[in-house]
Amino acid sequence: MMRAQVRLSEAAEEPANGAKKVATEIKEEGFGRVHKQHHAKYKAGLDELVAGMQGLGSALTNLGGGIGAAGGKYSAAEDQAAADANKAGSKQ
């Protein structure tokens, strides 16, 4: 489970880094005189794309954290079960 947590944390960096590359320098004038009214929708679409990529990164990070926490609880339960078994086996 620890390995899955690490892999998810690593994978979470990719969308976050990619989101930084999505931003555009294209201004309204860059769309041309006839199409400049479409710039606002274009920019809004890019902003949503960036937010989605950042959200994906956050979701992967949270998933990794949850898997790590579950792994810790699982490990603690296994340790307790082993201790209980040893204790029961050592009674005479």
PDB file of N, CA and C in Angstrom:
ATOM      1  N   MET A   1       0.819  -1.191   0.000  1.00  0.00           N
ATOM      2  CA  MET A   1       0.000   0.000   0.000  1.00  0.00           C
ATOM      3  C   MET A   1       0.862   1.253   0.000  1.00  0.00           C
ATOM      4  N   MET A   2       2.008   1.139   0.651  1.00  0.00           N
ATOM      5  CA  MET A   2       2.911   2.288   0.681  1.00  0.00           C
ATOM      6  C   MET A   2       3.399   2.609  -0.728  1.00  0.00           C
ATOM      7  N   ARG A   3       3.657   1.562  -1.497  1.00  0.00           N
ATOM      8  CA  ARG A   3       4.119   1.759  -2.874  1.00  0.00           C
ATOM      9  C   ARG A   3       3.051   2.456  -3.713  1.00  0.00           C
ATOM     10  N   ALA A   4       1.805   2.074  -3.513  1.00  0.00           N
ATOM     11  CA  ALA A   4       0.703   2.716  -4.235  1.00  0.00           C
ATOM     12  C   ALA A   4       0.599   4.184  -3.848  1.00  0.00           C
ATOM     13  N   GLN A   5       0.778   4.469  -2.573  1.00  0.00           N
ATOM     14  CA  GLN A   5       0.717   5.858  -2.114  1.00  0.00           C
ATOM     15  C   GLN A   5       1.814   6.693  -2.773  1.00  0.00           C
ATOM     16  N   VAL A   6       3.003   6.158  -2.842  1.00  0.00           N
ATOM     17  CA  VAL A   6       4.119   6.876  -3.459  1.00  0.00           C
ATOM     18  C   VAL A   6       3.865   7.096  -4.948  1.00  0.00           C
ATOM     19  N   ARG A   7       3.381   6.047  -5.636  1.00  0.00           N
ATOM     20  CA  ARG A   7       3.110   6.161  -7.078  1.00  0.00           C
ATOM     21  C   ARG A   7       2.017   7.188  -7.355  1.00  0.00           C
ATOM     22  N   LEU A   8       0.975   7.213  -6.524  1.00  0.00           N
ATOM     23  CA  LEU A   8      -0.094   8.194  -6.705  1.00  0.00           C
ATOM     24  C   LEU A   8       0.412   9.610  -6.451  1.00  0.00           C
ATOM     25  N   SER A   9       1.267   9.768  -5.470  1.00  0.00           N
ATOM     26  CA  SER A   9       1.847  11.087  -5.198  1.00  0.00           C
ATOM     27  C   SER A   9       2.689  11.561  -6.376  1.00  0.00           C
ATOM     28  N   GLU A  10       3.436  10.639  -6.946  1.00  0.00           N
ATOM     29  CA  GLU A  10       4.235  10.988  -8.124  1.00  0.00           C
ATOM     30  C   GLU A  10       3.336  11.328  -9.307  1.00  0.00           C
ATOM     31  N   ALA A  11       2.291  10.533  -9.485  1.00  0.00           N
ATOM     32  CA  ALA A  11       1.368  10.755 -10.598  1.00  0.00           C
ATOM     33  C   ALA A  11       0.614  12.069 -10.435  1.00  0.00           C
ATOM     34  N   ALA A  12       0.387  12.496  -9.217  1.00  0.00           N
ATOM     35  CA  ALA A  12      -0.339  13.742  -8.956  1.00  0.00           C
ATOM     36  C   ALA A  12       0.438  14.962  -9.424  1.00  0.00           C
ATOM     37  N   GLU A  13       1.754  14.839  -9.503  1.00  0.00           N
ATOM     38  CA  GLU A  13       2.578  15.967  -9.940  1.00  0.00           C
ATOM     39  C   GLU A  13       2.419  16.248 -11.433  1.00  0.00           C
ATOM     40  N   GLU A  14       2.148  15.220 -12.214  1.00  0.00           N
ATOM     41  CA  GLU A  14       2.069  15.385 -13.668  1.00  0.00           C
ATOM     42  C   GLU A  14       0.962  16.344 -14.107  1.00  0.00           C
ATOM     43  N   PRO A  15      -0.290  16.166 -13.641  1.00  0.00           N
ATOM     44  CA  PRO A  15      -1.318  17.119 -14.081  1.00  0.00           C
ATOM     45  C   PRO A  15      -1.065  18.530 -13.562  1.00  0.00           C
ATOM     46  N   ALA A  16      -0.539  18.635 -12.352  1.00  0.00           N
ATOM     47  CA  ALA A  16      -0.267  19.957 -11.793  1.00  0.00           C
ATOM     48  C   ALA A  16       0.809  20.677 -12.614  1.00  0.00           C
ATOM     49  N   ASN A  17       1.851  19.956 -12.988  1.00  0.00           N
ATOM     50  CA  ASN A  17       2.905  20.553 -13.818  1.00  0.00           C
ATOM     51  C   ASN A  17       2.389  20.867 -15.214  1.00  0.00           C
ATOM     52  N   GLY A  18       1.556  19.977 -15.745  1.00  0.00           N
ATOM     53  CA  GLY A  18       0.987  20.198 -17.067  1.00  0.00           C
ATOM     54  C   GLY A  18       0.060  21.397 -17.102  1.00  0.00           C
ATOM     55  N   ALA A  19      -0.635  21.646 -16.007  1.00  0.00           N
ATOM     56  CA  ALA A  19      -1.571  22.773 -15.942  1.00  0.00           C
ATOM     57  C   ALA A  19      -0.841  24.101 -16.125  1.00  0.00           C
ATOM     58  N   LYS A  20       0.393  24.160 -15.670  1.00  0.00           N
ATOM     59  CA  LYS A  20       1.180  25.391 -15.807  1.00  0.00           C
ATOM     60  C   LYS A  20       1.494  25.695 -17.277  1.00  0.00           C
ATOM     61  N   LYS A  21       1.511  24.655 -18.101  1.00  0.00           N
ATOM     62  CA  LYS A  21       1.852  24.817 -19.512  1.00  0.00           C
ATOM     63  C   LYS A  21       0.651  25.157 -20.388  1.00  0.00           C
ATOM     64  N   VAL A  22      -0.546  25.049 -19.832  1.00  0.00           N
ATOM     65  CA  VAL A  22      -1.763  25.257 -20.613  1.00  0.00           C
ATOM     66  C   VAL A  22      -2.036  26.743 -20.844  1.00  0.00           C
ATOM     67  N   ALA A  23      -1.635  27.564 -19.921  1.00  0.00           N
ATOM     68  CA  ALA A  23      -1.927  29.001 -20.021  1.00  0.00           C
ATOM     69  C   ALA A  23      -1.479  29.553 -21.379  1.00  0.00           C
ATOM     70  N   THR A  24      -2.234  30.495 -21.857  1.00  0.00           N
ATOM     71  CA  THR A  24      -1.945  31.062 -23.170  1.00  0.00           C
ATOM     72  C   THR A  24      -1.635  32.543 -23.076  1.00  0.00           C
ATOM     73  N   GLU A  25      -0.821  32.976 -23.973  1.00  0.00           N
ATOM     74  CA  GLU A  25      -0.494  34.400 -24.062  1.00  0.00           C
ATOM     75  C   GLU A  25      -1.322  35.080 -25.147  1.00  0.00           C
ATOM     76  N   ILE A  26      -2.210  34.322 -25.757  1.00  0.00           N
ATOM     77  CA  ILE A  26      -3.005  34.887 -26.847  1.00  0.00           C
ATOM     78  C   ILE A  26      -4.000  35.888 -26.273  1.00  0.00           C
ATOM     79  N   LYS A  27      -3.938  37.083 -26.762  1.00  0.00           N
ATOM     80  CA  LYS A  27      -4.854  38.152 -26.348  1.00  0.00           C
ATOM     81  C   LYS A  27      -6.030  38.197 -27.317  1.00  0.00           C
ATOM     82  N   GLU A  28      -7.002  38.966 -26.971  1.00  0.00           N
ATOM     83  CA  GLU A  28      -8.196  39.104 -27.808  1.00  0.00           C
ATOM     84  C   GLU A  28      -7.824  39.517 -29.232  1.00  0.00           C
ATOM     85  N   GLU A  29      -6.851  40.404 -29.345  1.00  0.00           N
ATOM     86  CA  GLU A  29      -6.431  40.883 -30.663  1.00  0.00           C
ATOM     87  C   GLU A  29      -5.842  39.757 -31.507  1.00  0.00           C
ATOM     88  N   GLY A  30      -5.283  38.754 -30.850  1.00  0.00           N
ATOM     89  CA  GLY A  30      -4.674  37.636 -31.550  1.00  0.00           C
ATOM     90  C   GLY A  30      -5.691  36.759 -32.288  1.00  0.00           C
ATOM     91  N   PHE A  31      -6.938  36.903 -31.953  1.00  0.00           N
ATOM     92  CA  PHE A  31      -7.991  36.151 -32.624  1.00  0.00           C
ATOM     93  C   PHE A  31      -8.424  36.813 -33.922  1.00  0.00           C
ATOM     94  N   GLY A  32      -7.945  37.998 -34.136  1.00  0.00           N
ATOM     95  CA  GLY A  32      -8.328  38.725 -35.347  1.00  0.00           C
ATOM     96  C   GLY A  32      -9.577  39.553 -35.126  1.00  0.00           C
ATOM     97  N   ARG A  33      -9.745  40.504 -35.989  1.00  0.00           N
ATOM     98  CA  ARG A  33     -10.853  41.445 -35.867  1.00  0.00           C
ATOM     99  C   ARG A  33     -12.200  40.739 -35.919  1.00  0.00           C
ATOM    100  N   VAL A  34     -12.337  39.750 -36.773  1.00  0.00           N
ATOM    101  CA  VAL A  34     -13.620  39.085 -36.981  1.00  0.00           C
ATOM    102  C   VAL A  34     -13.944  38.097 -35.848  1.00  0.00           C
ATOM    103  N   HIS A  35     -12.919  37.506 -35.223  1.00  0.00           N
ATOM    104  CA  HIS A  35     -13.148  36.440 -34.250  1.00  0.00           C
ATOM    105  C   HIS A  35     -12.840  36.844 -32.806  1.00  0.00           C
ATOM    106  N   LYS A  36     -12.501  38.082 -32.561  1.00  0.00           N
ATOM    107  CA  LYS A  36     -12.065  38.463 -31.215  1.00  0.00           C
ATOM    108  C   LYS A  36     -13.153  38.276 -30.154  1.00  0.00           C
ATOM    109  N   GLN A  37     -14.411  38.251 -30.549  1.00  0.00           N
ATOM    110  CA  GLN A  37     -15.479  38.045 -29.575  1.00  0.00           C
ATOM    111  C   GLN A  37     -15.447  36.632 -28.980  1.00  0.00           C
ATOM    112  N   HIS A  38     -14.724  35.716 -29.610  1.00  0.00           N
ATOM    113  CA  HIS A  38     -14.631  34.340 -29.117  1.00  0.00           C
ATOM    114  C   HIS A  38     -13.505  34.152 -28.099  1.00  0.00           C
ATOM    115  N   HIS A  39     -12.695  35.164 -27.899  1.00  0.00           N
ATOM    116  CA  HIS A  39     -11.564  35.043 -26.978  1.00  0.00           C
ATOM    117  C   HIS A  39     -12.017  34.732 -25.556  1.00  0.00           C
ATOM    118  N   ALA A  40     -13.088  35.354 -25.089  1.00  0.00           N
ATOM    119  CA  ALA A  40     -13.546  35.140 -23.713  1.00  0.00           C
ATOM    120  C   ALA A  40     -13.919  33.674 -23.476  1.00  0.00           C
ATOM    121  N   LYS A  41     -14.600  33.055 -24.422  1.00  0.00           N
ATOM    122  CA  LYS A  41     -14.967  31.640 -24.281  1.00  0.00           C
ATOM    123  C   LYS A  41     -13.728  30.748 -24.352  1.00  0.00           C
ATOM    124  N   TYR A  42     -12.800  31.110 -25.209  1.00  0.00           N
ATOM    125  CA  TYR A  42     -11.548  30.369 -25.328  1.00  0.00           C
ATOM    126  C   TYR A  42     -10.791  30.415 -24.008  1.00  0.00           C
ATOM    127  N   LYS A  43     -10.671  31.615 -23.443  1.00  0.00           N
ATOM    128  CA  LYS A  43      -9.957  31.793 -22.180  1.00  0.00           C
ATOM    129  C   LYS A  43     -10.679  31.057 -21.049  1.00  0.00           C
ATOM    130  N   ALA A  44     -12.011  31.136 -21.020  1.00  0.00           N
ATOM    131  CA  ALA A  44     -12.778  30.436 -19.988  1.00  0.00           C
ATOM    132  C   ALA A  44     -12.577  28.920 -20.102  1.00  0.00           C
ATOM    133  N   GLY A  45     -12.544  28.413 -21.318  1.00  0.00           N
ATOM    134  CA  GLY A  45     -12.308  26.988 -21.530  1.00  0.00           C
ATOM    135  C   GLY A  45     -10.937  26.557 -21.035  1.00  0.00           C
ATOM    136  N   LEU A  46      -9.926  27.366 -21.309  1.00  0.00           N
ATOM    137  CA  LEU A  46      -8.582  27.053 -20.824  1.00  0.00           C
ATOM    138  C   LEU A  46      -8.529  27.098 -19.305  1.00  0.00           C
ATOM    139  N   ASP A  47      -9.201  28.079 -18.718  1.00  0.00           N
ATOM    140  CA  ASP A  47      -9.222  28.179 -17.258  1.00  0.00           C
ATOM    141  C   ASP A  47      -9.873  26.937 -16.638  1.00  0.00           C
ATOM    142  N   GLU A  48     -10.933  26.437 -17.265  1.00  0.00           N
ATOM    143  CA  GLU A  48     -11.588  25.220 -16.773  1.00  0.00           C
ATOM    144  C   GLU A  48     -10.684  24.007 -16.935  1.00  0.00           C
ATOM    145  N   LEU A  49      -9.963  23.956 -18.027  1.00  0.00           N
ATOM    146  CA  LEU A  49      -9.029  22.862 -18.257  1.00  0.00           C
ATOM    147  C   LEU A  49      -7.940  22.859 -17.182  1.00  0.00           C
ATOM    148  N   VAL A  50      -7.382  24.018 -16.892  1.00  0.00           N
ATOM    149  CA  VAL A  50      -6.352  24.136 -15.857  1.00  0.00           C
ATOM    150  C   VAL A  50      -6.916  23.716 -14.498  1.00  0.00           C
ATOM    151  N   ALA A  51      -8.113  24.196 -14.173  1.00  0.00           N
ATOM    152  CA  ALA A  51      -8.734  23.834 -12.896  1.00  0.00           C
ATOM    153  C   ALA A  51      -8.961  22.324 -12.816  1.00  0.00           C
ATOM    154  N   GLY A  52      -9.374  21.719 -13.920  1.00  0.00           N
ATOM    155  CA  GLY A  52      -9.575  20.277 -13.937  1.00  0.00           C
ATOM    156  C   GLY A  52      -8.283  19.507 -13.722  1.00  0.00           C
ATOM    157  N   MET A  53      -7.217  19.961 -14.339  1.00  0.00           N
ATOM    158  CA  MET A  53      -5.921  19.304 -14.171  1.00  0.00           C
ATOM    159  C   MET A  53      -5.426  19.437 -12.733  1.00  0.00           C
ATOM    160  N   GLN A  54      -5.608  20.617 -12.155  1.00  0.00           N
ATOM    161  CA  GLN A  54      -5.209  20.817 -10.764  1.00  0.00           C
ATOM    162  C   GLN A  54      -6.076  19.970  -9.830  1.00  0.00           C
ATOM    163  N   GLY A  55      -7.367  19.890 -10.152  1.00  0.00           N
ATOM    164  CA  GLY A  55      -8.265  19.055  -9.359  1.00  0.00           C
ATOM    165  C   GLY A  55      -7.885  17.589  -9.426  1.00  0.00           C
ATOM    166  N   LEU A  56      -7.484  17.131 -10.597  1.00  0.00           N
ATOM    167  CA  LEU A  56      -7.042  15.744 -10.745  1.00  0.00           C
ATOM    168  C   LEU A  56      -5.822  15.480  -9.873  1.00  0.00           C
ATOM    169  N   GLY A  57      -4.885  16.418  -9.901  1.00  0.00           N
ATOM    170  CA  GLY A  57      -3.688  16.270  -9.053  1.00  0.00           C
ATOM    171  C   GLY A  57      -4.053  16.188  -7.582  1.00  0.00           C
ATOM    172  N   SER A  58      -4.978  17.028  -7.156  1.00  0.00           N
ATOM    173  CA  SER A  58      -5.419  17.008  -5.753  1.00  0.00           C
ATOM    174  C   SER A  58      -6.126  15.703  -5.413  1.00  0.00           C
ATOM    175  N   ALA A  59      -6.961  15.229  -6.333  1.00  0.00           N
ATOM    176  CA  ALA A  59      -7.680  13.976  -6.093  1.00  0.00           C
ATOM    177  C   ALA A  59      -6.709  12.800  -5.970  1.00  0.00           C
ATOM    178  N   LEU A  60      -5.691  12.777  -6.812  1.00  0.00           N
ATOM    179  CA  LEU A  60      -4.698  11.703  -6.736  1.00  0.00           C
ATOM    180  C   LEU A  60      -3.915  11.772  -5.430  1.00  0.00           C
ATOM    181  N   THR A  61      -3.589  12.985  -5.005  1.00  0.00           N
ATOM    182  CA  THR A  61      -2.884  13.168  -3.739  1.00  0.00           C
ATOM    183  C   THR A  61      -3.743  12.681  -2.580  1.00  0.00           C
ATOM    184  N   ASN A  62      -5.019  13.054  -2.586  1.00  0.00           N
ATOM    185  CA  ASN A  62      -5.928  12.622  -1.523  1.00  0.00           C
ATOM    186  C   ASN A  62      -6.114  11.104  -1.522  1.00  0.00           C
ATOM    187  N   LEU A  63      -6.225  10.530  -2.712  1.00  0.00           N
ATOM    188  CA  LEU A  63      -6.363   9.077  -2.812  1.00  0.00           C
ATOM    189  C   LEU A  63      -5.123   8.385  -2.245  1.00  0.00           C
ATOM    190  N   GLY A  64      -3.966   8.898  -2.603  1.00  0.00           N
ATOM    191  CA  GLY A  64      -2.722   8.330  -2.077  1.00  0.00           C
ATOM    192  C   GLY A  64      -2.657   8.431  -0.561  1.00  0.00           C
ATOM    193  N   GLY A  65      -3.093   9.562  -0.024  1.00  0.00           N
ATOM    194  CA  GLY A  65      -3.109   9.735   1.433  1.00  0.00           C
ATOM    195  C   GLY A  65      -4.055   8.746   2.095  1.00  0.00           C
ATOM    196  N   GLY A  66      -5.215   8.538   1.481  1.00  0.00           N
ATOM    197  CA  GLY A  66      -6.177   7.582   2.032  1.00  0.00           C
ATOM    198  C   GLY A  66      -5.647   6.163   1.994  1.00  0.00           C
ATOM    199  N   ILE A  67      -4.981   5.815   0.915  1.00  0.00           N
ATOM    200  CA  ILE A  67      -4.393   4.471   0.809  1.00  0.00           C
ATOM    201  C   ILE A  67      -3.284   4.302   1.842  1.00  0.00           C
ATOM    202  N   GLY A  68      -2.488   5.346   2.035  1.00  0.00           N
ATOM    203  CA  GLY A  68      -1.431   5.284   3.042  1.00  0.00           C
ATOM    204  C   GLY A  68      -1.994   5.115   4.444  1.00  0.00           C
ATOM    205  N   ALA A  69      -3.067   5.847   4.746  1.00  0.00           N
ATOM    206  CA  ALA A  69      -3.699   5.730   6.065  1.00  0.00           C
ATOM    207  C   ALA A  69      -4.294   4.336   6.258  1.00  0.00           C
ATOM    208  N   ALA A  70      -4.939   3.826   5.215  1.00  0.00           N
ATOM    209  CA  ALA A  70      -5.514   2.482   5.297  1.00  0.00           C
ATOM    210  C   ALA A  70      -4.410   1.442   5.484  1.00  0.00           C
ATOM    211  N   GLY A  71      -3.300   1.634   4.801  1.00  0.00           N
ATOM    212  CA  GLY A  71      -2.168   0.713   4.945  1.00  0.00           C
ATOM    213  C   GLY A  71      -1.620   0.720   6.358  1.00  0.00           C
ATOM    214  N   GLY A  72      -1.566   1.898   6.960  1.00  0.00           N
ATOM    215  CA  GLY A  72      -1.097   1.997   8.345  1.00  0.00           C
ATOM    216  C   GLY A  72      -2.030   1.270   9.304  1.00  0.00           C
ATOM    217  N   LYS A  73      -3.337   1.431   9.101  1.00  0.00           N
ATOM    218  CA  LYS A  73      -4.318   0.746   9.957  1.00  0.00           C
ATOM    219  C   LYS A  73      -4.248  -0.762   9.744  1.00  0.00           C
ATOM    220  N   TYR A  74      -4.097  -1.172   8.507  1.00  0.00           N
ATOM    221  CA  TYR A  74      -3.995  -2.599   8.186  1.00  0.00           C
ATOM    222  C   TYR A  74      -2.762  -3.189   8.856  1.00  0.00           C
ATOM    223  N   SER A  75      -1.671  -2.485   8.765  1.00  0.00           N
ATOM    224  CA  SER A  75      -0.426  -2.957   9.355  1.00  0.00           C
ATOM    225  C   SER A  75      -0.551  -3.053  10.875  1.00  0.00           C
ATOM    226  N   ALA A  76      -1.174  -2.049  11.493  1.00  0.00           N
ATOM    227  CA  ALA A  76      -1.367  -2.071  12.942  1.00  0.00           C
ATOM    228  C   ALA A  76      -2.262  -3.239  13.353  1.00  0.00           C
ATOM    229  N   ALA A  77      -3.313  -3.496  12.571  1.00  0.00           N
ATOM    230  CA  ALA A  77      -4.205  -4.618  12.877  1.00  0.00           C
ATOM    231  C   ALA A  77      -3.474  -5.950  12.741  1.00  0.00           C
ATOM    232  N   GLU A  78      -2.631  -6.070  11.742  1.00  0.00           N
ATOM    233  CA  GLU A  78      -1.841  -7.292  11.552  1.00  0.00           C
ATOM    234  C   GLU A  78      -0.877  -7.491  12.715  1.00  0.00           C
ATOM    235  N   ASP A  79      -0.234  -6.418  13.142  1.00  0.00           N
ATOM    236  CA  ASP A  79       0.686  -6.514  14.278  1.00  0.00           C
ATOM    237  C   ASP A  79      -0.051  -6.942  15.539  1.00  0.00           C
ATOM    238  N   GLN A  80      -1.233  -6.366  15.745  1.00  0.00           N
ATOM    239  CA  GLN A  80      -2.025  -6.731  16.928  1.00  0.00           C
ATOM    240  C   GLN A  80      -2.466  -8.190  16.855  1.00  0.00           C
ATOM    241  N   ALA A  81      -2.892  -8.634  15.677  1.00  0.00           N
ATOM    242  CA  ALA A  81      -3.314 -10.026  15.520  1.00  0.00           C
ATOM    243  C   ALA A  81      -2.143 -10.980  15.778  1.00  0.00           C
ATOM    244  N   ALA A  82      -0.970 -10.620  15.310  1.00  0.00           N
ATOM    245  CA  ALA A  82       0.209 -11.454  15.536  1.00  0.00           C
ATOM    246  C   ALA A  82       0.552 -11.505  17.020  1.00  0.00           C
ATOM    247  N   ALA A  83       0.468 -10.363  17.685  1.00  0.00           N
ATOM    248  CA  ALA A  83       0.753 -10.321  19.124  1.00  0.00           C
ATOM    249  C   ALA A  83      -0.261 -11.156  19.893  1.00  0.00           C
ATOM    250  N   ASP A  84      -1.550 -11.048  19.517  1.00  0.00           N
ATOM    251  CA  ASP A  84      -2.586 -11.837  20.177  1.00  0.00           C
ATOM    252  C   ASP A  84      -2.359 -13.335  19.960  1.00  0.00           C
ATOM    253  N   ALA A  85      -1.972 -13.714  18.757  1.00  0.00           N
ATOM    254  CA  ALA A  85      -1.719 -15.124  18.455  1.00  0.00           C
ATOM    255  C   ALA A  85      -0.524 -15.639  19.253  1.00  0.00           C
ATOM    256  N   ASN A  86       0.514 -14.848  19.346  1.00  0.00           N
ATOM    257  CA  ASN A  86       1.690 -15.253  20.125  1.00  0.00           C
ATOM    258  C   ASN A  86       1.345 -15.382  21.604  1.00  0.00           C
ATOM    259  N   LYS A  87       0.541 -14.450  22.092  1.00  0.00           N
ATOM    260  CA  LYS A  87       0.133 -14.475  23.492  1.00  0.00           C
ATOM    261  C   LYS A  87      -0.710 -15.718  23.782  1.00  0.00           C
ATOM    262  N   ALA A  88      -1.636 -16.002  22.894  1.00  0.00           N
ATOM    263  CA  ALA A  88      -2.497 -17.175  23.081  1.00  0.00           C
ATOM    264  C   ALA A  88      -1.691 -18.465  22.972  1.00  0.00           C
ATOM    265  N   GLY A  89      -0.716 -18.494  22.119  1.00  0.00           N
ATOM    266  CA  GLY A  89       0.098 -19.697  21.933  1.00  0.00           C
ATOM    267  C   GLY A  89       1.072 -19.932  23.062  1.00  0.00           C
ATOM    268  N   SER A  90       1.386 -18.904  23.809  1.00  0.00           N
ATOM    269  CA  SER A  90       2.364 -19.066  24.880  1.00  0.00           C
ATOM    270  C   SER A  90       1.713 -19.410  26.223  1.00  0.00           C
ATOM    271  N   LYS A  91       0.383 -19.407  26.315  1.00  0.00           N
ATOM    272  CA  LYS A  91      -0.307 -19.773  27.567  1.00  0.00           C
ATOM    273  C   LYS A  91      -0.244 -21.281  27.762  1.00  0.00           C
ATOM    274  N   GLN A  92      -0.089 -21.679  28.996  1.00  0.00           N
ATOM    275  CA  GLN A  92      -0.022 -23.113  29.301  1.00  0.00           C
ATOM    276  C   GLN A  92      -1.065 -23.494  30.309  1.00  0.00           C
TER     277      GLN A  92
END
